[in-house]
Amino acid sequence: MSVAQCWTDWHIDFAGSSVYYHILHGSKVFYFIKPTAANLAAYEHWSGTDIQNHTWLGDMADEVVRVELTAGNTMIIPTGWIHAVYTPADTLVFGGNFLHSLNMKTQLRVRDIEIRTRVPKKFRFPLFTKLCWYVGEKYCKDLKAKEDFSPRVLKSLDALAGFLVSEARTIERGSEVAKKEAKENVPTDRVKDASLLARELRWRVRSAAGVDSDTELGGDGDEIVPIKREPGSARQGIRKRKDDHSTPLFKNWQAPEWSNVENLPLEVAHDTVRVEDVEKEDGWMAKEGISGDVMRSKKRNGITKIRKLDQGAIERYSVIRTVEIVTPSGALPKKEPL
């Protein structure tokens, strides 16, 4: 139920879930952005920073589609579509969210975006990882029984298998905290050996698609394009993308250029102080168990950048690097390069 003049800003429904939407009375105006790789990257940057306060996400996307719904209309929002909603008049709507097996790759990608942008758990899809294990166990049985699946479903299952294998690796060699959380997400009533199930599912999916077990499933729609991964190739590709600044990060959007860049000159200072006298400004020494008179050597430099944003906003970026060496009074401080 929505009152007139309501506005819901750009968002993706949790875990990229699809939505069924029926207007009983009233009307809604939707603005949609297709979840391409470039558009999702732009959305992640927009939702994870304060640029959303002064930047229209549609200007960072390749296209925005407007859809108007009136009483009696029913609409399905596909997986992961970015959307904003305006309510012209008081409106009553029936709707809900659901996951399916046709585009788990995008669902998992949206889940990753939610984690990186620190969406609170209470606003994410409930028990999502546990649900993935149930789905993986069910499809593994179906593939064992030689059931046929479309190429689109097989590609979706390949993405699911990759996710479950990563969860299994966390259980095998993650940190103690990560292991505990990953184990709690495994439904032990159906999954007895998580590592075995995850790897068996991946093998059976790729076998059903007619490719080697070390070949990922790519392609659009119902087309399968095998993607052969050589050892170490994925990691090398990541490093290359990080170092490559020749192409824009987001399609149709570039960050404003820095108008003023100032390198702060190196400052060097040496003095003798009593730790108890400077505790307020340099409390870290007392916390480290240092007391009494010490000789302090301090070096400091940095960089400051300023640029103008939309609507008169100004962004200031400042990084200050400080190196301090303290030794008991009377000793010479060790000289280290800045």
Protein backbone atom coordinates (compact mmCIF):
# COMPACT_ATOMS: atom_id res chain seq x y z
CA MET A 1 0.00 0.00 0.00
CA SER A 2 1.51 3.35 -1.06
CA VAL A 3 0.33 6.93 -0.68
CA ALA A 4 0.42 9.50 -3.48
CA GLN A 5 3.73 11.20 -4.33
CA CYS A 6 5.85 8.37 -2.88
CA TRP A 7 9.29 7.80 -4.43
CA THR A 8 11.52 4.74 -4.00
CA ASP A 9 15.06 5.40 -5.20
CA TRP A 10 17.15 3.06 -7.35
CA HIS A 11 17.55 -0.43 -5.91
CA ILE A 12 17.69 -4.14 -6.74
CA ASP A 13 15.40 -6.51 -4.85
CA PHE A 14 17.35 -8.65 -2.38
CA ALA A 15 19.54 -11.37 -3.92
CA GLY A 16 18.39 -10.22 -7.35
CA SER A 17 15.07 -11.96 -6.78
CA SER A 18 12.32 -11.62 -9.36
CA VAL A 19 9.06 -9.85 -8.45
CA TYR A 20 5.41 -10.38 -9.36
CA TYR A 21 3.43 -7.15 -9.13
CA HIS A 22 -0.33 -6.60 -9.53
CA ILE A 23 -2.08 -3.22 -9.24
CA LEU A 24 -5.49 -3.57 -7.55
CA HIS A 25 -6.18 0.16 -7.73
CA GLY A 26 -4.10 3.28 -8.26
CA SER A 27 -0.99 3.47 -10.47
CA LYS A 28 2.81 3.15 -10.45
CA VAL A 29 5.59 4.45 -12.68
CA PHE A 30 8.71 2.28 -12.89
CA TYR A 31 12.13 3.23 -14.24
CA PHE A 32 14.27 0.24 -15.19
CA ILE A 33 17.98 -0.31 -15.93
CA LYS A 34 19.08 -3.64 -17.42
CA PRO A 35 21.54 -5.55 -15.18
CA THR A 36 24.49 -5.64 -17.59
CA ALA A 37 28.00 -5.95 -16.15
CA ALA A 38 28.66 -2.23 -16.73
CA ASN A 39 25.32 -1.13 -15.27
CA LEU A 40 25.75 -3.33 -12.18
CA ALA A 41 29.23 -1.90 -11.64
CA ALA A 42 27.81 1.62 -11.90
CA TYR A 43 25.00 0.70 -9.48
CA GLU A 44 27.46 -0.75 -6.96
CA HIS A 45 29.58 2.40 -7.07
CA TRP A 46 26.49 4.63 -6.84
CA SER A 47 24.87 2.76 -3.94
CA GLY A 48 28.12 2.26 -2.03
CA THR A 49 29.23 5.91 -1.97
CA ASP A 50 27.75 9.33 -1.27
CA ILE A 51 27.49 10.19 -4.97
CA GLN A 52 23.92 8.87 -4.77
CA ASN A 53 23.08 12.11 -2.94
CA HIS A 54 23.79 14.24 -6.01
CA THR A 55 23.94 11.87 -9.03
CA TRP A 56 21.05 10.37 -11.01
CA LEU A 57 21.93 6.71 -11.61
CA GLY A 58 20.25 6.83 -15.01
CA ASP A 59 23.05 9.13 -16.23
CA MET A 60 25.56 6.37 -15.46
CA ALA A 61 23.63 3.65 -17.36
CA ASP A 62 23.34 2.94 -21.07
CA GLU A 63 19.53 3.13 -21.08
CA VAL A 64 16.56 3.77 -18.77
CA VAL A 65 13.16 2.24 -19.59
CA ARG A 66 9.94 3.81 -18.25
CA VAL A 67 6.92 1.57 -17.55
CA GLU A 68 3.55 2.88 -16.29
CA LEU A 69 1.11 0.49 -14.58
CA THR A 70 -2.56 1.15 -13.85
CA ALA A 71 -5.32 -0.78 -12.06
CA GLY A 72 -5.59 -4.34 -13.36
CA ASN A 73 -2.03 -4.50 -14.73
CA THR A 74 0.32 -7.30 -13.66
CA MET A 75 4.09 -7.20 -14.20
CA ILE A 76 7.04 -9.54 -13.61
CA ILE A 77 10.37 -7.85 -12.81
CA PRO A 78 13.19 -10.10 -14.08
CA THR A 79 16.26 -11.11 -12.08
CA GLY A 80 18.49 -8.28 -10.96
CA TRP A 81 16.84 -5.40 -12.86
CA ILE A 82 17.71 -2.08 -11.24
CA HIS A 83 14.61 0.03 -10.71
CA ALA A 84 13.12 3.12 -9.11
CA VAL A 85 9.39 3.65 -8.48
CA TYR A 86 7.09 6.68 -8.38
CA THR A 87 3.52 6.55 -7.04
CA PRO A 88 1.29 9.23 -8.65
CA ALA A 89 -1.82 8.34 -6.59
CA ASP A 90 -2.82 6.26 -3.55
CA THR A 91 -2.21 2.67 -4.67
CA LEU A 92 -2.88 -0.87 -3.43
CA VAL A 93 -0.58 -3.56 -4.79
CA PHE A 94 -0.26 -7.34 -4.40
CA GLY A 95 3.21 -8.71 -5.03
CA GLY A 96 6.10 -10.83 -3.82
CA ASN A 97 9.65 -11.96 -4.47
CA PHE A 98 10.90 -15.32 -5.71
CA LEU A 99 14.11 -17.00 -6.84
CA HIS A 100 14.36 -19.44 -9.76
CA SER A 101 16.86 -21.59 -11.63
CA LEU A 102 17.08 -19.61 -14.88
CA ASN A 103 19.55 -16.91 -13.82
CA MET A 104 21.38 -17.84 -10.64
CA LYS A 105 24.53 -16.16 -11.93
CA THR A 106 22.92 -12.71 -11.65
CA GLN A 107 21.30 -13.59 -8.32
CA LEU A 108 24.72 -14.49 -6.90
CA ARG A 109 26.27 -11.36 -8.41
CA VAL A 110 23.66 -9.16 -6.69
CA ARG A 111 24.31 -10.99 -3.41
CA ASP A 112 28.01 -10.14 -3.76
CA ILE A 113 27.13 -6.47 -4.38
CA GLU A 114 25.00 -6.47 -1.21
CA ILE A 115 27.94 -7.80 0.81
CA ARG A 116 30.45 -5.34 -0.67
CA THR A 117 28.13 -2.38 -0.10
CA ARG A 118 27.44 -3.60 3.46
CA VAL A 119 23.70 -4.07 3.20
CA PRO A 120 22.54 -5.17 6.69
CA LYS A 121 21.65 -8.89 6.89
CA LYS A 122 18.08 -8.11 7.91
CA PHE A 123 17.55 -6.54 4.45
CA ARG A 124 19.02 -9.49 2.50
CA PHE A 125 17.21 -12.61 1.27
CA PRO A 126 16.65 -14.77 4.36
CA LEU A 127 18.64 -18.02 4.58
CA PHE A 128 19.93 -17.51 1.03
CA THR A 129 23.06 -19.69 1.33
CA LYS A 130 21.18 -22.53 3.02
CA LEU A 131 18.59 -22.39 0.24
CA CYS A 132 21.40 -22.70 -2.33
CA TRP A 133 22.57 -25.93 -0.67
CA TYR A 134 19.04 -27.36 -0.83
CA VAL A 135 18.78 -26.42 -4.52
CA GLY A 136 22.21 -27.89 -5.26
CA GLU A 137 21.33 -31.17 -3.55
CA LYS A 138 18.05 -31.43 -5.47
CA TYR A 139 19.60 -30.76 -8.88
CA CYS A 140 22.49 -33.13 -8.20
CA LYS A 141 19.94 -35.94 -7.70
CA ASP A 142 18.10 -34.91 -10.89
CA LEU A 143 21.33 -34.96 -12.90
CA LYS A 144 22.20 -38.37 -11.48
CA ALA A 145 18.81 -39.56 -12.73
CA LYS A 146 19.76 -38.31 -16.23
CA GLU A 147 17.05 -35.65 -16.38
CA ASP A 148 17.44 -33.21 -19.26
CA PHE A 149 17.87 -29.49 -18.67
CA SER A 150 18.02 -26.59 -21.09
CA PRO A 151 21.40 -24.90 -21.74
CA ARG A 152 20.14 -21.85 -19.87
CA VAL A 153 19.45 -23.89 -16.71
CA LEU A 154 22.80 -25.70 -17.00
CA LYS A 155 24.66 -22.37 -17.15
CA SER A 156 22.69 -21.20 -14.13
CA LEU A 157 23.55 -24.40 -12.25
CA ASP A 158 27.22 -23.97 -13.16
CA ALA A 159 27.17 -20.61 -11.38
CA LEU A 160 25.46 -22.20 -8.37
CA ALA A 161 28.04 -25.01 -8.29
CA GLY A 162 30.86 -22.47 -8.36
CA PHE A 163 29.32 -20.66 -5.40
CA LEU A 164 28.89 -23.89 -3.41
CA VAL A 165 32.49 -24.93 -4.16
CA SER A 166 33.67 -21.57 -2.77
CA GLU A 167 31.57 -22.20 0.37
CA ALA A 168 33.09 -25.69 0.67
CA ARG A 169 36.61 -24.22 0.40
CA THR A 170 35.77 -21.82 3.22
CA ILE A 171 34.74 -24.78 5.37
CA GLU A 172 37.98 -26.58 4.46
CA ARG A 173 40.53 -23.81 4.92
CA GLY A 174 38.86 -20.54 5.90
CA SER A 175 39.34 -18.62 9.14
CA GLU A 176 37.68 -20.04 12.24
CA VAL A 177 34.93 -17.40 12.12
CA ALA A 178 34.31 -17.96 8.39
CA LYS A 179 34.32 -21.74 8.84
CA LYS A 180 31.73 -21.53 11.61
CA GLU A 181 29.38 -19.36 9.54
CA ALA A 182 29.80 -21.50 6.41
CA LYS A 183 29.08 -24.71 8.35
CA GLU A 184 25.97 -23.22 9.92
CA ASN A 185 24.60 -22.50 6.43
CA VAL A 186 24.79 -26.18 5.39
CA PRO A 187 21.46 -28.04 5.91
CA THR A 188 22.81 -31.24 7.49
CA ASP A 189 19.41 -32.92 7.20
CA ARG A 190 19.98 -33.15 3.41
CA VAL A 191 23.69 -32.47 2.86
CA LYS A 192 26.02 -34.90 4.63
CA ASP A 193 29.27 -33.91 2.87
CA ALA A 194 29.24 -30.33 1.59
CA SER A 195 32.59 -30.53 -0.22
CA LEU A 196 31.63 -33.72 -2.03
CA LEU A 197 28.20 -32.41 -3.05
CA ALA A 198 29.54 -29.08 -4.38
CA ARG A 199 32.22 -30.69 -6.54
CA GLU A 200 29.95 -33.49 -7.73
CA LEU A 201 27.32 -30.96 -8.78
CA ARG A 202 29.88 -28.98 -10.78
CA TRP A 203 31.16 -32.13 -12.48
CA ARG A 204 27.66 -33.39 -13.34
CA VAL A 205 26.54 -29.99 -14.69
CA ARG A 206 29.54 -29.68 -16.98
CA SER A 207 29.27 -33.31 -18.03
CA ALA A 208 25.61 -32.77 -18.95
CA ALA A 209 26.68 -29.74 -21.01
CA GLY A 210 29.28 -31.86 -22.83
CA VAL A 211 32.39 -30.00 -21.62
CA ASP A 212 35.40 -30.85 -19.46
CA SER A 213 35.14 -30.47 -15.69
CA ASP A 214 37.60 -27.55 -15.74
CA THR A 215 35.62 -25.64 -18.37
CA GLU A 216 33.12 -22.96 -17.31
CA LEU A 217 29.83 -22.44 -19.11
CA GLY A 218 29.39 -19.06 -20.80
CA GLY A 219 27.25 -17.60 -23.58
CA ASP A 220 23.93 -15.77 -23.84
CA GLY A 221 20.42 -17.19 -23.73
CA ASP A 222 20.26 -20.87 -24.71
CA GLU A 223 23.74 -20.84 -26.22
CA ILE A 224 26.62 -22.48 -24.34
CA VAL A 225 30.10 -21.14 -24.97
CA PRO A 226 32.81 -23.17 -23.19
CA ILE A 227 35.33 -20.99 -21.29
CA LYS A 228 38.58 -22.84 -20.69
CA ARG A 229 40.46 -21.60 -17.65
CA GLU A 230 44.20 -22.21 -17.66
CA PRO A 231 45.91 -22.52 -14.27
CA GLY A 232 46.46 -19.04 -12.84
CA SER A 233 44.74 -17.29 -15.74
CA ALA A 234 41.88 -15.86 -13.69
CA ARG A 235 44.22 -14.37 -11.11
CA GLN A 236 46.43 -12.84 -13.80
CA GLY A 237 43.36 -11.36 -15.46
CA ILE A 238 42.34 -9.69 -12.22
CA ARG A 239 45.74 -8.07 -11.84
CA LYS A 240 45.67 -6.86 -15.40
CA ARG A 241 42.26 -5.22 -14.99
CA LYS A 242 43.40 -3.44 -11.83
CA ASP A 243 46.41 -1.95 -13.59
CA ASP A 244 44.60 -1.05 -16.80
CA HIS A 245 43.33 2.54 -16.73
CA SER A 246 42.90 2.87 -20.51
CA THR A 247 39.14 2.18 -20.44
CA PRO A 248 36.45 3.82 -18.28
CA LEU A 249 35.24 1.86 -15.25
CA PHE A 250 31.59 2.65 -15.96
CA LYS A 251 29.87 3.00 -19.30
CA ASN A 252 28.54 6.52 -19.97
CA TRP A 253 30.00 7.98 -16.77
CA GLN A 254 33.37 9.39 -15.79
CA ALA A 255 34.38 10.76 -12.41
CA PRO A 256 35.13 14.51 -12.50
CA GLU A 257 38.80 15.40 -12.87
CA TRP A 258 40.68 16.62 -9.80
CA SER A 259 41.01 20.40 -10.15
CA ASN A 260 43.65 20.86 -7.45
CA VAL A 261 46.28 18.31 -6.40
CA GLU A 262 48.74 19.26 -3.67
CA ASN A 263 51.61 17.08 -2.49
CA LEU A 264 52.34 17.96 1.13
CA PRO A 265 56.11 18.41 1.67
CA LEU A 266 58.02 16.07 3.92
CA GLU A 267 58.16 17.28 7.53
CA VAL A 268 60.84 15.89 9.89
CA ALA A 269 60.93 16.60 13.63
CA HIS A 270 62.91 15.24 16.60
CA ASP A 271 62.24 15.94 20.25
CA THR A 272 62.41 14.48 23.74
CA VAL A 273 59.11 14.12 25.62
CA ARG A 274 57.68 12.48 28.68
CA VAL A 275 55.02 9.94 27.66
CA GLU A 276 52.70 10.91 30.50
CA ASP A 277 52.78 14.58 29.39
CA VAL A 278 51.71 13.85 25.79
CA GLU A 279 49.25 11.06 26.52
CA LYS A 280 46.30 13.06 25.19
CA GLU A 281 47.84 13.70 21.77
CA ASP A 282 49.91 10.50 21.53
CA GLY A 283 48.04 7.99 23.64
CA TRP A 284 49.30 5.07 21.58
CA MET A 285 52.67 5.04 23.39
CA ALA A 286 51.08 4.41 26.78
CA LYS A 287 48.88 1.71 25.25
CA GLU A 288 52.02 -0.02 23.98
CA GLY A 289 53.49 -0.02 27.47
CA ILE A 290 55.98 2.83 26.92
CA SER A 291 56.54 5.23 29.82
CA GLY A 292 58.96 7.86 31.07
CA ASP A 293 61.21 10.04 28.89
CA VAL A 294 61.62 9.05 25.24
CA MET A 295 63.27 10.45 22.14
CA ARG A 296 60.71 10.86 19.38
CA SER A 297 61.45 11.07 15.66
CA LYS A 298 58.49 11.96 13.44
CA LYS A 299 58.21 12.15 9.64
CA ARG A 300 55.07 13.24 7.84
CA ASN A 301 53.94 13.79 4.25
CA GLY A 302 50.82 13.27 2.16
CA ILE A 303 48.59 14.40 -0.67
CA THR A 304 45.39 16.45 -0.90
CA LYS A 305 43.01 16.55 -3.89
CA ILE A 306 39.95 18.73 -4.52
CA ARG A 307 37.34 18.52 -7.28
CA LYS A 308 33.89 19.96 -8.00
CA LEU A 309 30.85 17.70 -8.28
CA ASP A 310 27.31 18.27 -9.49
CA GLN A 311 25.02 20.84 -7.83
CA GLY A 312 27.92 22.80 -6.36
CA ALA A 313 29.24 20.00 -4.15
CA ILE A 314 33.00 19.82 -3.54
CA GLU A 315 34.93 16.65 -2.74
CA ARG A 316 38.19 16.79 -0.77
CA TYR A 317 40.44 13.74 -0.65
CA SER A 318 43.32 13.80 1.81
CA VAL A 319 45.85 11.11 2.77
CA ILE A 320 48.44 11.90 5.46
CA ARG A 321 51.24 9.41 6.19
CA THR A 322 53.05 9.65 9.52
CA VAL A 323 56.03 7.58 10.65
CA GLU A 324 57.03 7.79 14.31
CA ILE A 325 59.98 6.16 16.08
CA VAL A 326 60.32 6.42 19.86
CA THR A 327 63.27 5.17 21.88
CA PRO A 328 64.34 5.52 25.52
CA SER A 329 65.91 8.91 26.22
CA GLY A 330 69.63 8.96 25.47
CA ALA A 331 69.49 6.33 22.70
CA LEU A 332 69.76 7.25 19.06
CA PRO A 333 66.64 6.62 16.99
CA LYS A 334 67.06 4.12 14.19
CA LYS A 335 66.94 5.84 10.83
CA GLU A 336 64.47 4.29 8.43
CA PRO A 337 63.49 5.47 4.94
CA LEU A 338 60.12 7.20 4.61
